[in-house]
Amino acid sequence: MFSKPIILIIVLILLLVFYLVIRLGAGKKKEIDDSQRLTKYLFGVRILILILAVVGLILWFLL
């Protein structure tokens, strides 16, 4: 079983990888800057990852 700090690091790395995969799948930087829809989509993804990170931290402190 992993210790608490290792679990937190794993969760944060998974969230970072999740964001990078979505960001790379969205296209090139120029395409994202030109598209209002992609910009809003990536903003929503950042908010989602932030919420997941906060929930992960709360659970990590309670366990």
PDB file of N, CA and C in Angstrom:
ATOM      1  N   MET A   1       0.841  -1.172   0.000  1.00  0.00           N
ATOM      2  CA  MET A   1       0.000   0.000   0.000  1.00  0.00           C
ATOM      3  C   MET A   1       0.890   1.239   0.000  1.00  0.00           C
ATOM      4  N   PHE A   2       0.435   2.266  -0.671  1.00  0.00           N
ATOM      5  CA  PHE A   2       1.201   3.510  -0.749  1.00  0.00           C
ATOM      6  C   PHE A   2       0.944   4.369   0.482  1.00  0.00           C
ATOM      7  N   SER A   3       1.930   5.187   0.818  1.00  0.00           N
ATOM      8  CA  SER A   3       1.741   6.122   1.928  1.00  0.00           C
ATOM      9  C   SER A   3       0.945   7.332   1.433  1.00  0.00           C
ATOM     10  N   LYS A   4       0.479   8.142   2.382  1.00  0.00           N
ATOM     11  CA  LYS A   4      -0.370   9.277   2.023  1.00  0.00           C
ATOM     12  C   LYS A   4       0.298  10.271   1.073  1.00  0.00           C
ATOM     13  N   PRO A   5       1.548  10.666   1.295  1.00  0.00           N
ATOM     14  CA  PRO A   5       2.160  11.626   0.364  1.00  0.00           C
ATOM     15  C   PRO A   5       2.303  11.065  -1.053  1.00  0.00           C
ATOM     16  N   ILE A   6       2.588   9.775  -1.168  1.00  0.00           N
ATOM     17  CA  ILE A   6       2.716   9.157  -2.488  1.00  0.00           C
ATOM     18  C   ILE A   6       1.368   9.138  -3.200  1.00  0.00           C
ATOM     19  N   ILE A   7       0.303   8.870  -2.474  1.00  0.00           N
ATOM     20  CA  ILE A   7      -1.041   8.875  -3.059  1.00  0.00           C
ATOM     21  C   ILE A   7      -1.380  10.266  -3.586  1.00  0.00           C
ATOM     22  N   LEU A   8      -1.061  11.305  -2.828  1.00  0.00           N
ATOM     23  CA  LEU A   8      -1.323  12.674  -3.265  1.00  0.00           C
ATOM     24  C   LEU A   8      -0.531  12.999  -4.524  1.00  0.00           C
ATOM     25  N   ILE A   9       0.713  12.609  -4.577  1.00  0.00           N
ATOM     26  CA  ILE A   9       1.541  12.860  -5.762  1.00  0.00           C
ATOM     27  C   ILE A   9       0.990  12.124  -6.974  1.00  0.00           C
ATOM     28  N   ILE A  10       0.559  10.886  -6.789  1.00  0.00           N
ATOM     29  CA  ILE A  10      -0.012  10.104  -7.885  1.00  0.00           C
ATOM     30  C   ILE A  10      -1.276  10.766  -8.412  1.00  0.00           C
ATOM     31  N   VAL A  11      -2.145  11.210  -7.526  1.00  0.00           N
ATOM     32  CA  VAL A  11      -3.388  11.867  -7.949  1.00  0.00           C
ATOM     33  C   VAL A  11      -3.086  13.142  -8.732  1.00  0.00           C
ATOM     34  N   LEU A  12      -2.150  13.952  -8.254  1.00  0.00           N
ATOM     35  CA  LEU A  12      -1.814  15.195  -8.945  1.00  0.00           C
ATOM     36  C   LEU A  12      -1.161  14.932 -10.300  1.00  0.00           C
ATOM     37  N   ILE A  13      -0.327  13.908 -10.389  1.00  0.00           N
ATOM     38  CA  ILE A  13       0.281  13.555 -11.673  1.00  0.00           C
ATOM     39  C   ILE A  13      -0.776  13.070 -12.658  1.00  0.00           C
ATOM     40  N   LEU A  14      -1.720  12.272 -12.183  1.00  0.00           N
ATOM     41  CA  LEU A  14      -2.801  11.804 -13.058  1.00  0.00           C
ATOM     42  C   LEU A  14      -3.644  12.967 -13.572  1.00  0.00           C
ATOM     43  N   LEU A  15      -3.920  13.946 -12.716  1.00  0.00           N
ATOM     44  CA  LEU A  15      -4.678  15.115 -13.162  1.00  0.00           C
ATOM     45  C   LEU A  15      -3.894  15.924 -14.194  1.00  0.00           C
ATOM     46  N   LEU A  16      -2.593  16.054 -14.007  1.00  0.00           N
ATOM     47  CA  LEU A  16      -1.755  16.760 -14.968  1.00  0.00           C
ATOM     48  C   LEU A  16      -1.728  16.034 -16.311  1.00  0.00           C
ATOM     49  N   VAL A  17      -1.587  14.727 -16.280  1.00  0.00           N
ATOM     50  CA  VAL A  17      -1.592  13.935 -17.516  1.00  0.00           C
ATOM     51  C   VAL A  17      -2.950  14.057 -18.207  1.00  0.00           C
ATOM     52  N   PHE A  18      -4.021  14.018 -17.443  1.00  0.00           N
ATOM     53  CA  PHE A  18      -5.377  14.181 -17.978  1.00  0.00           C
ATOM     54  C   PHE A  18      -5.493  15.510 -18.727  1.00  0.00           C
ATOM     55  N   TYR A  19      -4.998  16.590 -18.120  1.00  0.00           N
ATOM     56  CA  TYR A  19      -5.064  17.901 -18.769  1.00  0.00           C
ATOM     57  C   TYR A  19      -4.197  17.934 -20.031  1.00  0.00           C
ATOM     58  N   LEU A  20      -2.990  17.386 -19.962  1.00  0.00           N
ATOM     59  CA  LEU A  20      -2.100  17.417 -21.117  1.00  0.00           C
ATOM     60  C   LEU A  20      -2.672  16.648 -22.303  1.00  0.00           C
ATOM     61  N   VAL A  21      -3.291  15.518 -22.047  1.00  0.00           N
ATOM     62  CA  VAL A  21      -3.892  14.734 -23.127  1.00  0.00           C
ATOM     63  C   VAL A  21      -5.033  15.512 -23.773  1.00  0.00           C
ATOM     64  N   ILE A  22      -5.869  16.135 -22.972  1.00  0.00           N
ATOM     65  CA  ILE A  22      -6.978  16.920 -23.526  1.00  0.00           C
ATOM     66  C   ILE A  22      -6.442  18.133 -24.280  1.00  0.00           C
ATOM     67  N   ARG A  23      -5.433  18.787 -23.726  1.00  0.00           N
ATOM     68  CA  ARG A  23      -4.850  19.975 -24.369  1.00  0.00           C
ATOM     69  C   ARG A  23      -4.220  19.624 -25.709  1.00  0.00           C
ATOM     70  N   LEU A  24      -3.477  18.529 -25.762  1.00  0.00           N
ATOM     71  CA  LEU A  24      -2.860  18.107 -27.017  1.00  0.00           C
ATOM     72  C   LEU A  24      -3.910  17.660 -28.033  1.00  0.00           C
ATOM     73  N   GLY A  25      -4.984  17.066 -27.554  1.00  0.00           N
ATOM     74  CA  GLY A  25      -6.052  16.638 -28.448  1.00  0.00           C
ATOM     75  C   GLY A  25      -6.866  17.792 -29.005  1.00  0.00           C
ATOM     76  N   ALA A  26      -6.817  18.942 -28.340  1.00  0.00           N
ATOM     77  CA  ALA A  26      -7.594  20.101 -28.791  1.00  0.00           C
ATOM     78  C   ALA A  26      -6.989  20.742 -30.027  1.00  0.00           C
ATOM     79  N   GLY A  27      -5.717  20.542 -30.267  1.00  0.00           N
ATOM     80  CA  GLY A  27      -5.094  21.103 -31.462  1.00  0.00           C
ATOM     81  C   GLY A  27      -3.949  22.027 -31.134  1.00  0.00           C
ATOM     82  N   LYS A  28      -3.484  22.707 -32.177  1.00  0.00           N
ATOM     83  CA  LYS A  28      -2.355  23.621 -32.028  1.00  0.00           C
ATOM     84  C   LYS A  28      -2.782  24.892 -31.309  1.00  0.00           C
ATOM     85  N   LYS A  29      -1.797  25.599 -30.767  1.00  0.00           N
ATOM     86  CA  LYS A  29      -2.076  26.822 -30.011  1.00  0.00           C
ATOM     87  C   LYS A  29      -2.792  27.860 -30.866  1.00  0.00           C
ATOM     88  N   LYS A  30      -2.412  27.975 -32.124  1.00  0.00           N
ATOM     89  CA  LYS A  30      -3.045  28.956 -33.008  1.00  0.00           C
ATOM     90  C   LYS A  30      -4.526  28.631 -33.219  1.00  0.00           C
ATOM     91  N   GLU A  31      -4.828  27.342 -33.381  1.00  0.00           N
ATOM     92  CA  GLU A  31      -6.216  26.927 -33.564  1.00  0.00           C
ATOM     93  C   GLU A  31      -7.056  27.238 -32.322  1.00  0.00           C
ATOM     94  N   ILE A  32      -6.447  27.033 -31.164  1.00  0.00           N
ATOM     95  CA  ILE A  32      -7.172  27.281 -29.914  1.00  0.00           C
ATOM     96  C   ILE A  32      -7.421  28.780 -29.736  1.00  0.00           C
ATOM     97  N   ASP A  33      -6.409  29.592 -30.050  1.00  0.00           N
ATOM     98  CA  ASP A  33      -6.570  31.043 -29.924  1.00  0.00           C
ATOM     99  C   ASP A  33      -7.627  31.578 -30.884  1.00  0.00           C
ATOM    100  N   ASP A  34      -7.729  30.974 -32.068  1.00  0.00           N
ATOM    101  CA  ASP A  34      -8.699  31.440 -33.065  1.00  0.00           C
ATOM    102  C   ASP A  34     -10.122  30.975 -32.763  1.00  0.00           C
ATOM    103  N   SER A  35     -10.268  29.877 -32.053  1.00  0.00           N
ATOM    104  CA  SER A  35     -11.587  29.303 -31.807  1.00  0.00           C
ATOM    105  C   SER A  35     -12.085  29.670 -30.408  1.00  0.00           C
ATOM    106  N   GLN A  36     -13.186  30.381 -30.380  1.00  0.00           N
ATOM    107  CA  GLN A  36     -13.801  30.755 -29.099  1.00  0.00           C
ATOM    108  C   GLN A  36     -14.327  29.517 -28.369  1.00  0.00           C
ATOM    109  N   ARG A  37     -14.833  28.560 -29.129  1.00  0.00           N
ATOM    110  CA  ARG A  37     -15.401  27.350 -28.538  1.00  0.00           C
ATOM    111  C   ARG A  37     -14.322  26.508 -27.839  1.00  0.00           C
ATOM    112  N   LEU A  38     -13.155  26.369 -28.486  1.00  0.00           N
ATOM    113  CA  LEU A  38     -12.072  25.602 -27.865  1.00  0.00           C
ATOM    114  C   LEU A  38     -11.540  26.304 -26.623  1.00  0.00           C
ATOM    115  N   THR A  39     -11.496  27.623 -26.665  1.00  0.00           N
ATOM    116  CA  THR A  39     -11.029  28.372 -25.503  1.00  0.00           C
ATOM    117  C   THR A  39     -11.950  28.142 -24.314  1.00  0.00           C
ATOM    118  N   LYS A  40     -13.258  28.197 -24.548  1.00  0.00           N
ATOM    119  CA  LYS A  40     -14.216  27.939 -23.469  1.00  0.00           C
ATOM    120  C   LYS A  40     -14.127  26.500 -22.981  1.00  0.00           C
ATOM    121  N   TYR A  41     -13.914  25.572 -23.916  1.00  0.00           N
ATOM    122  CA  TYR A  41     -13.806  24.157 -23.564  1.00  0.00           C
ATOM    123  C   TYR A  41     -12.598  23.922 -22.650  1.00  0.00           C
ATOM    124  N   LEU A  42     -11.449  24.466 -23.015  1.00  0.00           N
ATOM    125  CA  LEU A  42     -10.254  24.274 -22.193  1.00  0.00           C
ATOM    126  C   LEU A  42     -10.375  24.977 -20.847  1.00  0.00           C
ATOM    127  N   PHE A  43     -11.085  26.100 -20.813  1.00  0.00           N
ATOM    128  CA  PHE A  43     -11.337  26.755 -19.529  1.00  0.00           C
ATOM    129  C   PHE A  43     -12.172  25.841 -18.630  1.00  0.00           C
ATOM    130  N   GLY A  44     -13.186  25.208 -19.205  1.00  0.00           N
ATOM    131  CA  GLY A  44     -14.014  24.264 -18.453  1.00  0.00           C
ATOM    132  C   GLY A  44     -13.213  23.068 -17.962  1.00  0.00           C
ATOM    133  N   VAL A  45     -12.293  22.596 -18.784  1.00  0.00           N
ATOM    134  CA  VAL A  45     -11.441  21.472 -18.391  1.00  0.00           C
ATOM    135  C   VAL A  45     -10.551  21.878 -17.220  1.00  0.00           C
ATOM    136  N   ARG A  46      -9.999  23.102 -17.259  1.00  0.00           N
ATOM    137  CA  ARG A  46      -9.163  23.573 -16.149  1.00  0.00           C
ATOM    138  C   ARG A  46      -9.965  23.658 -14.854  1.00  0.00           C
ATOM    139  N   ILE A  47     -11.203  24.146 -14.942  1.00  0.00           N
ATOM    140  CA  ILE A  47     -12.063  24.242 -13.757  1.00  0.00           C
ATOM    141  C   ILE A  47     -12.356  22.840 -13.214  1.00  0.00           C
ATOM    142  N   LEU A  48     -12.656  21.906 -14.102  1.00  0.00           N
ATOM    143  CA  LEU A  48     -12.933  20.531 -13.684  1.00  0.00           C
ATOM    144  C   LEU A  48     -11.733  19.914 -12.974  1.00  0.00           C
ATOM    145  N   ILE A  49     -10.547  20.097 -13.524  1.00  0.00           N
ATOM    146  CA  ILE A  49      -9.347  19.539 -12.911  1.00  0.00           C
ATOM    147  C   ILE A  49      -9.077  20.207 -11.568  1.00  0.00           C
ATOM    148  N   LEU A  50      -9.319  21.496 -11.479  1.00  0.00           N
ATOM    149  CA  LEU A  50      -9.144  22.198 -10.207  1.00  0.00           C
ATOM    150  C   LEU A  50     -10.104  21.647  -9.151  1.00  0.00           C
ATOM    151  N   ILE A  51     -11.355  21.410  -9.517  1.00  0.00           N
ATOM    152  CA  ILE A  51     -12.335  20.845  -8.591  1.00  0.00           C
ATOM    153  C   ILE A  51     -11.903  19.444  -8.154  1.00  0.00           C
ATOM    154  N   LEU A  52     -11.438  18.635  -9.111  1.00  0.00           N
ATOM    155  CA  LEU A  52     -10.978  17.285  -8.769  1.00  0.00           C
ATOM    156  C   LEU A  52      -9.773  17.326  -7.843  1.00  0.00           C
ATOM    157  N   ALA A  53      -8.880  18.283  -8.057  1.00  0.00           N
ATOM    158  CA  ALA A  53      -7.707  18.406  -7.180  1.00  0.00           C
ATOM    159  C   ALA A  53      -8.117  18.808  -5.768  1.00  0.00           C
ATOM    160  N   VAL A  54      -9.069  19.720  -5.658  1.00  0.00           N
ATOM    161  CA  VAL A  54      -9.535  20.150  -4.329  1.00  0.00           C
ATOM    162  C   VAL A  54     -10.224  18.989  -3.609  1.00  0.00           C
ATOM    163  N   VAL A  55     -11.053  18.252  -4.327  1.00  0.00           N
ATOM    164  CA  VAL A  55     -11.720  17.088  -3.723  1.00  0.00           C
ATOM    165  C   VAL A  55     -10.685  16.048  -3.295  1.00  0.00           C
ATOM    166  N   GLY A  56      -9.671  15.837  -4.128  1.00  0.00           N
ATOM    167  CA  GLY A  56      -8.607  14.903  -3.773  1.00  0.00           C
ATOM    168  C   GLY A  56      -7.859  15.331  -2.519  1.00  0.00           C
ATOM    169  N   LEU A  57      -7.586  16.630  -2.416  1.00  0.00           N
ATOM    170  CA  LEU A  57      -6.919  17.133  -1.214  1.00  0.00           C
ATOM    171  C   LEU A  57      -7.780  16.973   0.031  1.00  0.00           C
ATOM    172  N   ILE A  58      -9.063  17.266  -0.100  1.00  0.00           N
ATOM    173  CA  ILE A  58      -9.976  17.107   1.037  1.00  0.00           C
ATOM    174  C   ILE A  58     -10.016  15.647   1.479  1.00  0.00           C
ATOM    175  N   LEU A  59     -10.158  14.745   0.534  1.00  0.00           N
ATOM    176  CA  LEU A  59     -10.177  13.321   0.884  1.00  0.00           C
ATOM    177  C   LEU A  59      -8.852  12.873   1.476  1.00  0.00           C
ATOM    178  N   TRP A  60      -7.751  13.408   0.953  1.00  0.00           N
ATOM    179  CA  TRP A  60      -6.434  13.042   1.460  1.00  0.00           C
ATOM    180  C   TRP A  60      -6.268  13.479   2.913  1.00  0.00           C
ATOM    181  N   PHE A  61      -6.767  14.668   3.258  1.00  0.00           N
ATOM    182  CA  PHE A  61      -6.666  15.137   4.631  1.00  0.00           C
ATOM    183  C   PHE A  61      -7.569  14.357   5.579  1.00  0.00           C
ATOM    184  N   LEU A  62      -8.712  13.865   5.082  1.00  0.00           N
ATOM    185  CA  LEU A  62      -9.660  13.162   5.946  1.00  0.00           C
ATOM    186  C   LEU A  62      -9.310  11.697   6.155  1.00  0.00           C
ATOM    187  N   LEU A  63      -8.530  11.114   5.264  1.00  0.00           N
ATOM    188  CA  LEU A  63      -8.239   9.675   5.393  1.00  0.00           C
ATOM    189  C   LEU A  63      -7.028   9.429   6.211  1.00  0.00           C
TER     190      LEU A  63
END
